[in-house]
Amino acid sequence: MSEPTDPKSIFLICKVRDIPKTEQEILDWYVAETERSGTRVHYPSRDTVQEDSIGLYICRQNRDAIARAGEVRIYYNPTSQGSMFDLGMTYMASKPLRIINPESLDGGMETPVSRFLYWYAFDGQQPDKSVAGRRGQIRRSAAVTLRHSGNTPDFLFDFGMVFMAGKPLVLLNRDEVKPTPSKSFENVLLALHNEYRLLYRKR
């Protein structure tokens, strides 16, 4: 995360797992056209190593790529959990954000995610006091506590902010969070909680 920003590069937030074929074709075309213009693109399905039974390595690769990027762009798909996490990292890193498919927000501002995208991507403003307040609190904290009650958009967004900030994480309901056999946010949460416990024991 200490690498300098590359102003001619972007990070593309998009769905990776179980992506519809049409959406994949649009993204492949968009990346190819963008790179022809001389802009470097970090395209997670191509550039992030996905072989990771936990998911922590994937998250770290994307975190570092977002930190290096001059701009973040998103192809918004509300079914993508990873996109919510990446949006939280983007906001914590204060990166400019552009929406590739603004038509996906048709229907107004009835959800927290759509409101965030309208305010931050279109207007360049702080989304609202509660989101900005949570970011400030995370930045000021020596360690952050989270309670996992499901991979909701709000939870994943906040988790992304914590992860980009590099703060130690304490999982308040550790016994309720069960590991999964393949990469998942549950596995990442458990790994980070265990890292904090090991660090605490060494002090």
Protein backbone atom coordinates (compact mmCIF):
# COMPACT_ATOMS: atom_id res chain seq x y z
CA MET A 1 0.00 0.00 0.00
CA SER A 2 3.03 2.27 0.16
CA GLU A 3 3.54 2.21 -3.60
CA PRO A 4 2.94 5.55 -5.36
CA THR A 5 -0.29 6.25 -7.21
CA ASP A 6 -0.21 5.66 -10.96
CA PRO A 7 -2.41 8.40 -12.47
CA LYS A 8 -2.74 6.49 -15.75
CA SER A 9 -4.20 3.39 -14.17
CA ILE A 10 -7.64 2.36 -13.04
CA PHE A 11 -9.04 -0.40 -10.87
CA LEU A 12 -12.21 -1.96 -12.22
CA ILE A 13 -14.78 -3.04 -9.65
CA CYS A 14 -16.99 -5.74 -11.13
CA LYS A 15 -18.55 -9.09 -10.47
CA VAL A 16 -16.11 -12.02 -10.77
CA ARG A 17 -17.85 -15.15 -9.54
CA ASP A 18 -20.92 -16.42 -11.40
CA ILE A 19 -20.87 -13.47 -13.77
CA PRO A 20 -23.48 -13.53 -16.57
CA LYS A 21 -21.97 -14.21 -20.00
CA THR A 22 -23.29 -10.95 -21.47
CA GLU A 23 -21.82 -8.93 -18.61
CA GLN A 24 -18.46 -10.69 -19.03
CA GLU A 25 -18.42 -9.84 -22.72
CA ILE A 26 -19.19 -6.16 -22.01
CA LEU A 27 -16.39 -5.97 -19.45
CA ASP A 28 -13.86 -7.72 -21.70
CA TRP A 29 -14.69 -5.24 -24.47
CA TYR A 30 -14.53 -2.25 -22.10
CA VAL A 31 -11.13 -3.26 -20.72
CA ALA A 32 -9.70 -3.83 -24.21
CA GLU A 33 -10.94 -0.44 -25.44
CA THR A 34 -9.67 1.37 -22.34
CA GLU A 35 -6.23 -0.20 -22.62
CA ARG A 36 -6.01 0.76 -26.30
CA SER A 37 -6.21 4.38 -25.17
CA GLY A 38 -3.06 3.92 -23.05
CA THR A 39 -4.75 3.52 -19.67
CA ARG A 40 -3.65 0.59 -17.54
CA VAL A 41 -6.51 -1.45 -16.09
CA HIS A 42 -6.47 -3.80 -13.12
CA TYR A 43 -9.21 -6.22 -14.15
CA PRO A 44 -9.76 -8.60 -11.21
CA SER A 45 -10.93 -11.61 -13.24
CA ARG A 46 -7.70 -11.35 -15.25
CA ASP A 47 -5.17 -9.64 -12.95
CA THR A 48 -6.06 -10.81 -9.44
CA VAL A 49 -4.88 -14.33 -8.66
CA GLN A 50 -8.08 -16.12 -7.63
CA GLU A 51 -6.53 -19.35 -6.28
CA ASP A 52 -7.09 -18.66 -2.61
CA SER A 53 -8.95 -21.03 -0.29
CA ILE A 54 -9.49 -18.29 2.31
CA GLY A 55 -9.92 -15.13 0.24
CA LEU A 56 -7.45 -12.98 2.20
CA TYR A 57 -4.83 -12.98 -0.55
CA ILE A 58 -7.46 -11.89 -3.07
CA CYS A 59 -8.53 -9.03 -0.81
CA ARG A 60 -4.94 -7.91 -0.31
CA GLN A 61 -4.20 -7.93 -4.04
CA ASN A 62 -7.25 -5.80 -4.75
CA ARG A 63 -6.50 -3.47 -1.84
CA ASP A 64 -3.00 -2.79 -3.14
CA ALA A 65 -4.25 -2.31 -6.70
CA ILE A 66 -6.90 0.20 -5.55
CA ALA A 67 -4.29 2.07 -3.52
CA ARG A 68 -2.07 2.37 -6.63
CA ALA A 69 -4.86 3.33 -9.03
CA GLY A 70 -5.41 6.89 -10.11
CA GLU A 71 -9.12 6.20 -10.47
CA VAL A 72 -11.62 3.46 -9.70
CA ARG A 73 -14.44 2.52 -12.07
CA ILE A 74 -17.34 0.23 -11.33
CA TYR A 75 -19.65 -1.87 -13.43
CA TYR A 76 -22.38 -2.00 -10.83
CA ASN A 77 -24.10 -5.33 -10.27
CA PRO A 78 -26.12 -5.36 -7.02
CA THR A 79 -25.64 -9.14 -6.64
CA SER A 80 -21.86 -8.80 -6.29
CA GLN A 81 -20.74 -8.99 -2.66
CA GLY A 82 -17.11 -8.34 -3.59
CA SER A 83 -18.08 -5.07 -5.26
CA MET A 84 -19.51 -3.75 -1.97
CA PHE A 85 -16.26 -4.61 -0.19
CA ASP A 86 -14.23 -2.93 -2.95
CA LEU A 87 -16.44 0.18 -2.76
CA GLY A 88 -15.64 0.46 0.94
CA MET A 89 -11.93 0.24 0.18
CA THR A 90 -12.32 2.87 -2.56
CA TYR A 91 -14.05 5.30 -0.24
CA MET A 92 -11.51 4.81 2.55
CA ALA A 93 -8.70 5.48 0.04
CA SER A 94 -10.53 8.62 -1.22
CA LYS A 95 -10.24 7.49 -4.84
CA PRO A 96 -12.23 9.13 -7.65
CA LEU A 97 -15.05 6.83 -8.73
CA ARG A 98 -16.82 6.53 -12.09
CA ILE A 99 -19.82 4.33 -12.90
CA ILE A 100 -19.55 2.54 -16.23
CA ASN A 101 -23.23 1.55 -16.34
CA PRO A 102 -25.18 4.41 -14.73
CA GLU A 103 -28.39 2.96 -16.13
CA SER A 104 -28.10 0.30 -13.42
CA LEU A 105 -29.13 2.98 -10.93
CA ASP A 106 -32.41 3.73 -12.66
CA GLY A 107 -35.14 3.83 -10.08
CA GLY A 108 -33.70 6.56 -7.91
CA MET A 109 -31.97 6.52 -4.55
CA GLU A 110 -33.98 4.06 -2.53
CA THR A 111 -31.01 1.97 -1.31
CA PRO A 112 -27.93 3.01 0.68
CA VAL A 113 -25.64 1.74 -2.10
CA SER A 114 -27.39 3.69 -4.86
CA ARG A 115 -27.36 6.83 -2.70
CA PHE A 116 -23.64 6.37 -2.10
CA LEU A 117 -22.95 5.96 -5.81
CA TYR A 118 -25.04 9.00 -6.73
CA TRP A 119 -23.37 11.29 -4.22
CA TYR A 120 -19.79 10.08 -4.46
CA ALA A 121 -19.49 9.19 -8.15
CA PHE A 122 -21.76 11.78 -9.74
CA ASP A 123 -21.52 14.75 -7.37
CA GLY A 124 -18.08 14.17 -5.84
CA GLN A 125 -19.53 14.83 -2.39
CA GLN A 126 -19.46 13.02 0.92
CA PRO A 127 -22.30 10.45 0.69
CA ASP A 128 -23.90 11.34 4.02
CA LYS A 129 -22.89 12.08 7.57
CA SER A 130 -23.26 8.51 8.79
CA VAL A 131 -20.94 7.04 6.13
CA ALA A 132 -18.40 9.83 6.51
CA GLY A 133 -18.63 9.48 10.29
CA ARG A 134 -17.91 5.75 10.16
CA ARG A 135 -14.89 6.38 7.94
CA GLY A 136 -13.56 8.97 10.37
CA GLN A 137 -14.10 6.67 13.34
CA ILE A 138 -12.24 3.84 11.63
CA ARG A 139 -9.33 6.15 10.79
CA ARG A 140 -9.05 7.26 14.43
CA SER A 141 -9.31 3.75 15.93
CA ALA A 142 -6.32 1.69 16.98
CA ALA A 143 -8.39 -1.44 16.34
CA VAL A 144 -11.91 -1.91 14.99
CA THR A 145 -14.64 -4.20 16.28
CA LEU A 146 -17.18 -5.71 13.89
CA ARG A 147 -20.20 -7.93 14.42
CA HIS A 148 -21.00 -10.20 11.49
CA SER A 149 -24.68 -10.95 10.97
CA GLY A 150 -24.53 -11.69 7.26
CA ASN A 151 -22.82 -10.33 4.16
CA THR A 152 -25.13 -7.36 3.74
CA PRO A 153 -24.04 -4.44 1.53
CA ASP A 154 -23.63 -2.16 4.57
CA PHE A 155 -21.50 -4.70 6.43
CA LEU A 156 -19.27 -5.43 3.44
CA PHE A 157 -18.82 -1.72 2.74
CA ASP A 158 -17.69 -1.09 6.32
CA PHE A 159 -15.48 -4.18 6.27
CA GLY A 160 -13.84 -2.85 3.10
CA MET A 161 -13.14 0.47 4.81
CA VAL A 162 -11.54 -1.32 7.76
CA PHE A 163 -9.43 -3.49 5.47
CA MET A 164 -8.15 -0.57 3.39
CA ALA A 165 -7.31 1.36 6.57
CA GLY A 166 -5.15 -1.57 7.69
CA LYS A 167 -6.66 -1.60 11.15
CA PRO A 168 -6.54 -4.68 13.38
CA LEU A 169 -9.97 -6.31 13.47
CA VAL A 170 -11.79 -7.86 16.42
CA LEU A 171 -14.79 -10.02 15.57
CA LEU A 172 -17.31 -9.57 18.38
CA ASN A 173 -19.27 -12.74 17.62
CA ARG A 174 -16.38 -15.01 16.69
CA ASP A 175 -18.16 -18.20 17.81
CA GLU A 176 -21.14 -17.47 15.55
CA VAL A 177 -19.07 -17.09 12.36
CA LYS A 178 -18.40 -20.43 10.74
CA PRO A 179 -15.59 -21.13 8.25
CA THR A 180 -16.54 -22.22 4.75
CA PRO A 181 -14.78 -24.83 2.56
CA SER A 182 -13.81 -22.24 -0.06
CA LYS A 183 -12.95 -18.54 -0.19
CA SER A 184 -15.47 -16.33 1.59
CA PHE A 185 -15.74 -13.18 3.64
CA GLU A 186 -16.39 -15.37 6.67
CA ASN A 187 -12.97 -16.98 6.20
CA VAL A 188 -11.30 -13.58 5.78
CA LEU A 189 -12.96 -12.24 8.94
CA LEU A 190 -11.82 -15.26 10.93
CA ALA A 191 -8.25 -15.00 9.61
CA LEU A 192 -8.00 -11.31 10.51
CA HIS A 193 -9.50 -11.90 13.96
CA ASN A 194 -6.94 -14.66 14.58
CA GLU A 195 -4.12 -12.36 13.39
CA TYR A 196 -5.17 -9.79 15.98
CA ARG A 197 -5.32 -12.40 18.75
CA LEU A 198 -1.79 -13.61 17.91
CA LEU A 199 -0.52 -10.02 17.86
CA TYR A 200 -2.19 -9.27 21.19
CA ARG A 201 -0.64 -12.35 22.82
CA LYS A 202 2.87 -11.28 21.79
CA ARG A 203 2.58 -7.96 23.62
